[in-house]
Amino acid sequence: MASAAITLAAEAPKLSSANTGFMLIASALVLIMTPGLAFFYGGMVRVKSTLNMLMMSFISMGIVTILWVLYGFSLAFGTNNSLIGWDSDWFGLRKIGLTELWPGYTIPIFVFMVFQMMFAIITPALISGALADRVKFSAWALFVALWLTIVYVPVAHWVWGADGWAFKLGVIDFAGGTAVHINAGAGALGVILVIGKRVGFKKDPMRPHSLPLVMLGAGLLWFGWFGFNAGSWLGNDDGVGALMFVNTQVATAAAMLAWLAYEKIRHGAFTTLGAASGAVAGLVAITPSGGAVSPIGAIAVGAIAGVACAAAVGLKFKFGYDDSLDVVGVHMVGGIIGSLLIGFFATGKGQSAATGVFYGDHSFTQLWKQCAGVGAVLAYSLIASAVLAFLLDKTIGMRVTEDAEVAGIDQAEHAETAYDFSGAGGGIAGSASSVLAATESKKVDA
């Protein structure tokens, strides 16, 4: 992601209406990804958990927005030290001028702030898919607030802050392979290792209840991701944003095809769930790398991620952790792949002059930097998230009761159900059930 650490030009940047308008549109595109994620996840769960899955994403839009304005933005992007930032003028956004520019760029601070807010909203929402069917909504809401503060904000500062250690080291993360996807995937793994498996895991069928809803969610994610990725250059004066736009489309297509090919060879069918999951895997993998690789490199990144993530989703059955909707297999693994492949496919002609093993002087330097960033974010998020989940579980409790889980978390936590079947007994079916009831009544009377 573009950062304040870019050297200021000799002539101070001036407000660009074009770039400002573009970034406002990009911010809206990123926001629509969170409802898209809600539909994607909501279709993948059983009927009795649909509303809860939707709400776990929607509540993030409420909680994170307020906290980001109050202190999140200041801690993530203020300058203080290499581990965490701070700028008292940005606390509550109280001393930011309406036309005050983000340092080194042609857009206002307010625009950069709101763009980053959308990233902060979707990242904890990604974790929710791993916890489907079994977490108290109140505990989840508190987890989102604490996780944003303790995990997301510091990692965002490391990777994108002007004085973040990973940024200064030269770790490349264009739009969130480490700060968003590895962060969320590792966090999800940490939480599920603490709270345990769903009732009936490996025994009861837990198939998606609405694949059309899954496809709708995947389509919204794909659409919104162009704002997520292309917008991260904070403008398009030099064509890097356009490169990222192209690579996002190319890698996503390649990953979807690769996932489907793997699925056909391994399981004998091309499934809609595989198409949707493959597309998301490609989007995840190109997020950190798309500004540094060529379109041919993007095809390679997408294809590798499609196969690797398709294989990774089965690891939960091998190792026995219950990642309900494959957050670990898609987001953590996809983020790792996309981040590390920069060390091989970076051309030196995009966002950075750094080159990968296959370009320039064929040095491993960038690969080692990527390994450092990936390893640090993975370890920190995994451990911090697990500790946070453990403390919440031992205090207020993270899980609903077993009875509530079996009966359905929608009714237990929200007093609602996603679908009303009360009117579905009319017509012939209704008449048949009425006749059967009458017959049984006569038997009892006799």
Protein backbone atom coordinates (compact mmCIF):
# COMPACT_ATOMS: atom_id res chain seq x y z
CA MET A 1 0.00 0.00 0.00
CA ALA A 2 1.16 3.50 -0.72
CA SER A 3 2.51 5.20 2.37
CA ALA A 4 3.46 8.53 3.86
CA ALA A 5 7.06 7.36 3.70
CA ILE A 6 7.20 8.22 -0.01
CA THR A 7 9.67 11.08 -0.48
CA LEU A 8 7.97 14.41 -1.07
CA ALA A 9 8.53 15.92 -4.47
CA ALA A 10 10.31 19.24 -4.83
CA GLU A 11 6.97 20.89 -5.43
CA ALA A 12 4.39 20.10 -2.74
CA PRO A 13 1.48 17.99 -4.00
CA LYS A 14 -1.78 19.76 -4.70
CA LEU A 15 -5.29 18.47 -4.14
CA SER A 16 -6.42 16.33 -7.08
CA SER A 17 -10.18 16.20 -7.57
CA ALA A 18 -9.77 13.20 -9.86
CA ASN A 19 -7.74 11.16 -7.39
CA THR A 20 -9.97 12.22 -4.49
CA GLY A 21 -13.12 11.16 -6.35
CA PHE A 22 -11.49 7.90 -7.39
CA MET A 23 -10.53 7.11 -3.80
CA LEU A 24 -14.01 7.87 -2.48
CA ILE A 25 -15.43 5.41 -5.02
CA ALA A 26 -12.75 2.87 -4.12
CA SER A 27 -13.66 3.23 -0.43
CA ALA A 28 -17.31 2.51 -1.21
CA LEU A 29 -16.27 -0.54 -3.22
CA VAL A 30 -14.28 -1.86 -0.27
CA LEU A 31 -17.24 -1.33 2.05
CA ILE A 32 -19.53 -3.41 -0.17
CA MET A 33 -17.11 -6.31 0.29
CA THR A 34 -18.26 -6.75 3.89
CA PRO A 35 -21.94 -7.38 2.99
CA GLY A 36 -20.59 -9.50 0.14
CA LEU A 37 -18.59 -11.51 2.66
CA ALA A 38 -21.74 -11.83 4.79
CA PHE A 39 -23.64 -13.36 1.87
CA PHE A 40 -20.68 -15.57 0.94
CA TYR A 41 -20.41 -16.94 4.46
CA GLY A 42 -24.17 -16.90 5.05
CA GLY A 43 -24.82 -19.22 2.13
CA MET A 44 -22.13 -21.64 3.26
CA VAL A 45 -23.61 -22.36 6.69
CA ARG A 46 -26.69 -24.40 7.58
CA VAL A 47 -30.11 -22.73 7.60
CA LYS A 48 -30.17 -22.43 11.38
CA SER A 49 -27.01 -20.26 11.42
CA THR A 50 -27.62 -17.95 8.45
CA LEU A 51 -28.63 -14.77 10.28
CA ASN A 52 -25.89 -15.11 12.85
CA MET A 53 -23.32 -15.37 10.06
CA LEU A 54 -24.70 -12.24 8.41
CA MET A 55 -24.71 -10.34 11.69
CA MET A 56 -21.12 -11.27 12.52
CA SER A 57 -20.02 -9.31 9.46
CA PHE A 58 -22.50 -6.47 9.80
CA ILE A 59 -21.62 -5.75 13.43
CA SER A 60 -18.02 -5.17 12.37
CA MET A 61 -19.19 -2.22 10.26
CA GLY A 62 -20.62 -0.64 13.39
CA ILE A 63 -17.93 -1.37 15.96
CA VAL A 64 -14.84 -0.80 13.84
CA THR A 65 -16.12 2.45 12.34
CA ILE A 66 -16.44 4.09 15.76
CA LEU A 67 -13.17 2.77 17.13
CA TRP A 68 -11.27 3.67 13.97
CA VAL A 69 -12.41 7.29 14.23
CA LEU A 70 -11.68 7.48 17.95
CA TYR A 71 -8.18 6.00 18.03
CA GLY A 72 -7.59 3.23 15.47
CA PHE A 73 -6.43 5.47 12.63
CA SER A 74 -4.08 7.38 14.91
CA LEU A 75 -2.51 4.21 16.29
CA ALA A 76 -2.14 2.58 12.88
CA PHE A 77 -0.82 5.51 10.85
CA GLY A 78 0.53 8.03 13.31
CA THR A 79 4.28 8.26 13.69
CA ASN A 80 5.65 7.17 17.02
CA ASN A 81 7.86 4.11 16.73
CA SER A 82 8.29 0.97 14.64
CA LEU A 83 5.71 -1.04 16.62
CA ILE A 84 2.76 1.32 17.08
CA GLY A 85 1.84 4.78 15.94
CA TRP A 86 0.16 7.79 17.54
CA ASP A 87 -0.85 11.29 16.53
CA SER A 88 -2.89 13.24 19.07
CA ASP A 89 -4.26 15.50 16.31
CA TRP A 90 -5.91 12.45 14.74
CA PHE A 91 -7.59 11.27 17.95
CA GLY A 92 -11.27 11.53 17.13
CA LEU A 93 -10.22 13.27 13.89
CA ARG A 94 -10.57 16.51 15.82
CA LYS A 95 -7.69 18.53 14.35
CA ILE A 96 -7.67 17.47 10.70
CA GLY A 97 -8.39 20.18 8.14
CA LEU A 98 -10.94 19.36 5.45
CA THR A 99 -8.41 19.87 2.66
CA GLU A 100 -5.31 18.80 4.57
CA LEU A 101 -3.49 16.32 2.31
CA TRP A 102 -2.15 12.89 3.19
CA PRO A 103 1.63 13.47 3.24
CA GLY A 104 3.13 13.03 -0.21
CA TYR A 105 -0.20 12.53 -2.00
CA THR A 106 -2.95 14.48 -3.67
CA ILE A 107 -5.89 13.27 -1.55
CA PRO A 108 -7.13 14.59 1.81
CA ILE A 109 -6.31 12.82 5.06
CA PHE A 110 -10.04 12.24 5.54
CA VAL A 111 -10.17 10.22 2.31
CA PHE A 112 -7.18 8.09 3.24
CA MET A 113 -8.65 7.58 6.70
CA VAL A 114 -12.01 6.35 5.40
CA PHE A 115 -10.35 4.10 2.81
CA GLN A 116 -8.30 2.47 5.55
CA MET A 117 -11.39 2.23 7.74
CA MET A 118 -12.96 -0.14 5.21
CA PHE A 119 -9.90 -2.40 5.42
CA ALA A 120 -10.14 -2.41 9.19
CA ILE A 121 -13.85 -3.32 9.00
CA ILE A 122 -13.52 -6.38 6.79
CA THR A 123 -10.45 -7.91 8.43
CA PRO A 124 -12.06 -9.11 11.70
CA ALA A 125 -15.20 -9.99 9.72
CA LEU A 126 -13.09 -12.50 7.77
CA ILE A 127 -12.40 -14.38 11.01
CA SER A 128 -16.10 -14.98 11.63
CA GLY A 129 -16.33 -17.70 8.98
CA ALA A 130 -14.07 -19.96 11.01
CA LEU A 131 -16.30 -19.66 14.08
CA ALA A 132 -19.69 -20.38 12.50
CA ASP A 133 -22.49 -22.03 14.53
CA ARG A 134 -21.00 -21.75 17.99
CA VAL A 135 -19.99 -18.28 19.29
CA LYS A 136 -22.06 -15.96 21.47
CA PHE A 137 -22.86 -12.79 19.57
CA SER A 138 -22.01 -10.58 22.55
CA ALA A 139 -18.64 -12.32 22.93
CA TRP A 140 -17.99 -11.90 19.22
CA ALA A 141 -18.76 -8.17 19.36
CA LEU A 142 -16.32 -7.71 22.24
CA PHE A 143 -13.73 -9.84 20.45
CA VAL A 144 -13.98 -7.60 17.36
CA ALA A 145 -13.31 -4.48 19.43
CA LEU A 146 -10.37 -6.01 21.29
CA TRP A 147 -8.88 -7.75 18.25
CA LEU A 148 -8.95 -4.55 16.23
CA THR A 149 -7.07 -2.74 18.99
CA ILE A 150 -4.59 -5.41 20.01
CA VAL A 151 -3.92 -7.22 16.73
CA TYR A 152 -5.04 -5.38 13.60
CA VAL A 153 -3.87 -1.86 14.46
CA PRO A 154 -0.27 -2.80 15.36
CA VAL A 155 0.10 -5.06 12.32
CA ALA A 156 -1.26 -2.37 10.00
CA HIS A 157 1.31 0.02 11.45
CA TRP A 158 4.14 -2.49 10.92
CA VAL A 159 3.26 -3.04 7.29
CA TRP A 160 1.96 0.36 6.09
CA GLY A 161 2.98 2.94 8.69
CA ALA A 162 5.67 5.46 7.75
CA ASP A 163 7.91 4.15 10.54
CA GLY A 164 6.61 0.58 10.76
CA TRP A 165 9.42 -1.94 10.99
CA ALA A 166 8.18 -4.13 8.13
CA PHE A 167 7.72 -1.12 5.86
CA LYS A 168 11.20 0.16 6.61
CA LEU A 169 12.62 -3.34 6.07
CA GLY A 170 11.16 -3.33 2.57
CA VAL A 171 8.43 -5.95 2.96
CA ILE A 172 6.03 -5.53 0.02
CA ASP A 173 2.33 -5.73 0.76
CA PHE A 174 0.39 -3.71 -1.79
CA ALA A 175 -3.10 -4.10 -0.30
CA GLY A 176 -3.14 -6.51 2.62
CA GLY A 177 -1.71 -9.99 2.13
CA THR A 178 -0.09 -9.81 5.56
CA ALA A 179 -2.07 -7.11 7.37
CA VAL A 180 -5.47 -8.40 6.25
CA HIS A 181 -5.44 -12.00 5.07
CA ILE A 182 -2.61 -13.68 6.99
CA ASN A 183 -3.64 -11.61 9.99
CA ALA A 184 -7.26 -12.78 9.80
CA GLY A 185 -6.44 -16.36 8.86
CA ALA A 186 -3.89 -16.84 11.63
CA GLY A 187 -6.23 -15.10 14.06
CA ALA A 188 -9.03 -17.47 13.08
CA LEU A 189 -6.77 -20.46 13.69
CA GLY A 190 -5.80 -19.15 17.11
CA VAL A 191 -9.44 -18.72 18.15
CA ILE A 192 -10.70 -22.09 16.93
CA LEU A 193 -7.88 -23.88 18.69
CA VAL A 194 -9.22 -22.36 21.91
CA ILE A 195 -12.99 -22.67 21.49
CA GLY A 196 -13.00 -26.13 19.93
CA LYS A 197 -15.11 -27.91 17.36
CA ARG A 198 -18.77 -27.64 16.44
CA VAL A 199 -21.14 -30.25 17.80
CA GLY A 200 -21.19 -33.04 15.22
CA PHE A 201 -17.96 -32.05 13.46
CA LYS A 202 -16.91 -34.92 11.12
CA LYS A 203 -20.18 -36.72 11.94
CA ASP A 204 -23.13 -34.59 10.86
CA PRO A 205 -23.55 -33.20 7.33
CA MET A 206 -22.70 -29.49 7.36
CA ARG A 207 -23.23 -28.60 3.72
CA PRO A 208 -23.94 -25.05 2.46
CA HIS A 209 -27.66 -24.31 2.59
CA SER A 210 -27.69 -21.82 -0.33
CA LEU A 211 -25.07 -22.01 -3.06
CA PRO A 212 -26.75 -19.18 -5.03
CA LEU A 213 -26.15 -16.96 -1.99
CA VAL A 214 -22.52 -18.08 -1.96
CA MET A 215 -22.12 -17.17 -5.62
CA LEU A 216 -23.77 -13.78 -5.05
CA GLY A 217 -21.38 -13.08 -2.18
CA ALA A 218 -18.36 -14.15 -4.24
CA GLY A 219 -19.48 -11.86 -7.06
CA LEU A 220 -19.79 -8.89 -4.72
CA LEU A 221 -16.37 -9.65 -3.26
CA TRP A 222 -14.83 -9.85 -6.73
CA PHE A 223 -16.45 -6.55 -7.71
CA GLY A 224 -15.48 -4.73 -4.52
CA TRP A 225 -11.95 -6.09 -4.60
CA PHE A 226 -11.05 -3.76 -7.46
CA GLY A 227 -11.45 -0.88 -5.02
CA PHE A 228 -9.55 -2.84 -2.39
CA ASN A 229 -6.58 -3.45 -4.69
CA ALA A 230 -6.47 -0.72 -7.33
CA GLY A 231 -7.37 1.94 -4.77
CA SER A 232 -4.39 1.07 -2.62
CA TRP A 233 -2.08 3.13 -4.81
CA LEU A 234 -4.09 6.18 -3.73
CA GLY A 235 -4.45 7.40 -7.31
CA ASN A 236 -3.35 6.34 -10.76
CA ASP A 237 -1.00 9.03 -11.98
CA ASP A 238 1.71 6.54 -12.97
CA GLY A 239 -0.31 3.49 -14.04
CA VAL A 240 0.46 1.23 -11.06
CA GLY A 241 -3.17 1.25 -9.98
CA ALA A 242 -4.18 0.19 -13.48
CA LEU A 243 -1.65 -2.64 -13.36
CA MET A 244 -3.14 -3.77 -10.07
CA PHE A 245 -6.64 -3.67 -11.56
CA VAL A 246 -5.57 -5.89 -14.46
CA ASN A 247 -3.64 -8.31 -12.24
CA THR A 248 -6.59 -8.62 -9.86
CA GLN A 249 -8.82 -9.82 -12.68
CA VAL A 250 -6.18 -12.08 -14.21
CA ALA A 251 -5.13 -13.80 -10.99
CA THR A 252 -8.72 -14.35 -9.87
CA ALA A 253 -9.63 -15.99 -13.15
CA ALA A 254 -6.53 -18.21 -13.03
CA ALA A 255 -7.19 -19.29 -9.45
CA MET A 256 -10.82 -20.16 -10.15
CA LEU A 257 -9.84 -22.33 -13.13
CA ALA A 258 -7.00 -23.97 -11.19
CA TRP A 259 -9.27 -24.76 -8.23
CA LEU A 260 -11.88 -26.28 -10.52
CA ALA A 261 -9.26 -28.37 -12.33
CA TYR A 262 -7.90 -29.65 -9.02
CA GLU A 263 -11.42 -30.39 -7.85
CA LYS A 264 -12.29 -32.29 -11.02
CA ILE A 265 -9.15 -34.40 -10.83
CA ARG A 266 -9.45 -35.03 -7.10
CA HIS A 267 -13.21 -35.35 -6.64
CA GLY A 268 -14.63 -35.81 -10.12
CA ALA A 269 -16.82 -32.68 -10.40
CA PHE A 270 -16.75 -28.95 -11.06
CA THR A 271 -18.70 -27.38 -8.19
CA THR A 272 -20.11 -23.90 -7.76
CA LEU A 273 -18.61 -23.79 -4.27
CA GLY A 274 -15.23 -24.57 -5.82
CA ALA A 275 -15.61 -21.79 -8.38
CA ALA A 276 -16.51 -19.26 -5.69
CA SER A 277 -13.77 -20.40 -3.31
CA GLY A 278 -11.17 -20.46 -6.09
CA ALA A 279 -12.02 -16.90 -7.08
CA VAL A 280 -11.64 -15.72 -3.49
CA ALA A 281 -8.31 -17.57 -3.19
CA GLY A 282 -7.03 -15.73 -6.26
CA LEU A 283 -8.21 -12.39 -4.91
CA VAL A 284 -6.42 -13.06 -1.64
CA ALA A 285 -3.14 -14.09 -3.28
CA ILE A 286 -2.91 -11.16 -5.69
CA THR A 287 -3.70 -8.61 -2.97
CA PRO A 288 -0.10 -8.29 -1.70
CA SER A 289 1.61 -8.99 -5.01
CA GLY A 290 -0.39 -7.38 -7.80
CA GLY A 291 1.52 -4.11 -7.86
CA ALA A 292 4.87 -5.85 -8.14
CA VAL A 293 4.27 -8.59 -10.73
CA SER A 294 3.42 -8.64 -14.43
CA PRO A 295 0.11 -10.02 -15.77
CA ILE A 296 1.92 -13.26 -16.64
CA GLY A 297 3.20 -13.38 -13.09
CA ALA A 298 -0.35 -12.76 -11.87
CA ILE A 299 -1.52 -15.83 -13.78
CA ALA A 300 1.16 -17.87 -12.01
CA VAL A 301 0.25 -16.41 -8.61
CA GLY A 302 -3.44 -17.15 -9.14
CA ALA A 303 -2.92 -20.68 -10.47
CA ILE A 304 -0.57 -21.65 -7.64
CA ALA A 305 -2.94 -20.19 -5.05
CA GLY A 306 -5.95 -21.95 -6.56
CA VAL A 307 -4.36 -25.39 -6.31
CA ALA A 308 -2.66 -24.80 -2.95
CA CYS A 309 -5.77 -23.39 -1.25
CA ALA A 310 -7.97 -26.16 -2.67
CA ALA A 311 -5.59 -28.68 -1.14
CA ALA A 312 -5.28 -26.73 2.12
CA VAL A 313 -8.99 -26.69 2.96
CA GLY A 314 -8.84 -30.41 3.65
CA LEU A 315 -6.15 -30.02 6.31
CA LYS A 316 -8.77 -29.35 8.97
CA PHE A 317 -9.96 -32.94 8.69
CA LYS A 318 -6.41 -34.25 8.82
CA PHE A 319 -5.33 -32.17 11.82
CA GLY A 320 -8.70 -32.01 13.57
CA TYR A 321 -9.29 -28.26 13.89
CA ASP A 322 -12.76 -27.05 12.96
CA ASP A 323 -12.37 -24.13 10.55
CA SER A 324 -16.05 -23.95 9.62
CA LEU A 325 -15.82 -22.04 6.34
CA ASP A 326 -12.14 -22.51 5.42
CA VAL A 327 -10.79 -19.16 6.52
CA VAL A 328 -7.42 -20.72 7.32
CA GLY A 329 -7.21 -22.67 4.07
CA VAL A 330 -8.15 -19.72 1.86
CA HIS A 331 -7.09 -16.53 3.62
CA MET A 332 -4.08 -17.58 5.66
CA VAL A 333 -2.67 -19.95 3.04
CA GLY A 334 -3.60 -17.66 0.15
CA GLY A 335 -2.06 -14.67 1.90
CA ILE A 336 1.15 -16.57 2.58
CA ILE A 337 1.42 -17.72 -1.02
CA GLY A 338 0.74 -14.29 -2.48
CA SER A 339 3.20 -12.61 -0.14
CA LEU A 340 6.02 -15.11 -0.68
CA LEU A 341 5.63 -15.28 -4.46
CA ILE A 342 6.58 -11.60 -4.60
CA GLY A 343 10.07 -12.87 -3.79
CA PHE A 344 10.01 -14.84 -7.05
CA PHE A 345 7.90 -12.80 -9.49
CA ALA A 346 8.56 -9.13 -8.59
CA THR A 347 9.67 -7.42 -11.80
CA GLY A 348 11.06 -4.20 -10.34
CA LYS A 349 8.82 -2.16 -12.68
CA GLY A 350 5.70 -1.67 -10.56
CA GLN A 351 5.28 -0.35 -7.06
CA SER A 352 8.86 -1.16 -6.09
CA ALA A 353 12.27 -1.43 -7.74
CA ALA A 354 12.87 -4.68 -5.85
CA THR A 355 13.09 -7.80 -7.99
CA GLY A 356 12.38 -11.43 -7.26
CA VAL A 357 14.43 -14.54 -7.90
CA PHE A 358 13.22 -14.81 -11.51
CA TYR A 359 14.08 -11.20 -12.43
CA GLY A 360 16.91 -8.69 -12.16
CA ASP A 361 20.02 -10.13 -10.55
CA HIS A 362 18.09 -13.24 -9.37
CA SER A 363 18.66 -12.33 -5.75
CA PHE A 364 16.84 -13.94 -2.82
CA THR A 365 16.92 -10.67 -0.88
CA GLN A 366 13.27 -9.78 -1.41
CA LEU A 367 12.17 -13.33 -0.67
CA TRP A 368 13.85 -13.22 2.75
CA LYS A 369 12.17 -9.90 3.49
CA GLN A 370 8.80 -11.39 2.56
CA CYS A 371 9.48 -14.39 4.81
CA ALA A 372 10.22 -12.05 7.72
CA GLY A 373 6.97 -10.16 7.24
CA VAL A 374 4.88 -13.29 6.81
CA GLY A 375 6.42 -15.07 9.78
CA ALA A 376 6.07 -12.14 12.15
CA VAL A 377 2.44 -11.38 11.31
CA LEU A 378 1.45 -15.05 11.38
CA ALA A 379 3.07 -15.70 14.76
CA TYR A 380 1.81 -12.51 16.39
CA SER A 381 -1.76 -12.85 15.19
CA LEU A 382 -1.98 -16.55 16.03
CA ILE A 383 -0.67 -16.14 19.57
CA ALA A 384 -2.40 -12.84 20.41
CA SER A 385 -5.75 -14.05 19.04
CA ALA A 386 -5.53 -17.32 20.94
CA VAL A 387 -4.73 -15.50 24.19
CA LEU A 388 -7.56 -13.06 23.63
CA ALA A 389 -10.05 -15.87 22.92
CA PHE A 390 -8.84 -17.78 25.99
CA LEU A 391 -9.35 -14.76 28.27
CA LEU A 392 -12.82 -14.08 26.88
CA ASP A 393 -13.77 -17.73 27.15
CA LYS A 394 -12.70 -17.88 30.79
CA THR A 395 -14.50 -14.66 31.72
CA ILE A 396 -17.73 -14.11 29.78
CA GLY A 397 -17.62 -17.38 27.80
CA MET A 398 -17.18 -17.55 24.01
CA ARG A 399 -19.53 -20.41 23.11
CA VAL A 400 -23.29 -20.80 23.18
CA THR A 401 -24.68 -23.82 25.02
CA GLU A 402 -24.73 -27.17 23.26
CA ASP A 403 -28.53 -27.12 23.18
CA ALA A 404 -28.55 -23.68 21.55
CA GLU A 405 -25.99 -24.80 18.99
CA VAL A 406 -27.96 -27.91 18.07
CA ALA A 407 -31.30 -26.09 17.93
CA GLY A 408 -29.86 -23.19 15.97
CA ILE A 409 -27.81 -20.16 16.92
CA ASP A 410 -30.11 -17.81 14.96
CA GLN A 411 -33.03 -18.40 17.28
CA ALA A 412 -30.89 -18.55 20.42
CA GLU A 413 -28.89 -15.36 19.80
CA HIS A 414 -31.16 -13.25 17.61
CA ALA A 415 -34.71 -14.57 18.20
CA GLU A 416 -35.15 -14.76 14.43
CA THR A 417 -34.77 -17.21 11.57
CA ALA A 418 -33.54 -16.50 8.06
CA TYR A 419 -36.47 -18.18 6.32
CA ASP A 420 -40.14 -18.39 7.26
CA PHE A 421 -41.49 -21.84 6.42
CA SER A 422 -44.79 -21.38 8.22
CA GLY A 423 -46.67 -20.86 4.98
CA ALA A 424 -44.98 -23.70 3.15
CA GLY A 425 -47.52 -26.34 4.20
CA GLY A 426 -50.38 -25.16 1.97
CA GLY A 427 -51.80 -26.87 -1.10
CA ILE A 428 -51.59 -30.63 -1.49
CA ALA A 429 -48.90 -31.02 1.15
CA GLY A 430 -50.99 -29.04 3.63
CA SER A 431 -54.10 -31.07 2.86
CA ALA A 432 -52.24 -34.34 3.26
CA SER A 433 -50.85 -33.29 6.63
CA SER A 434 -54.33 -32.23 7.77
CA VAL A 435 -55.81 -35.59 6.78
CA LEU A 436 -53.01 -37.41 8.58
CA ALA A 437 -53.56 -35.34 11.71
CA ALA A 438 -57.31 -36.00 11.64
CA THR A 439 -56.75 -39.72 11.21
CA GLU A 440 -54.36 -39.84 14.13
CA SER A 441 -56.89 -37.91 16.25
CA LYS A 442 -59.64 -40.46 15.50
CA LYS A 443 -57.32 -43.30 16.50
CA VAL A 444 -56.66 -41.63 19.82
CA ASP A 445 -60.41 -41.05 20.42
CA ALA A 446 -61.18 -44.67 19.61
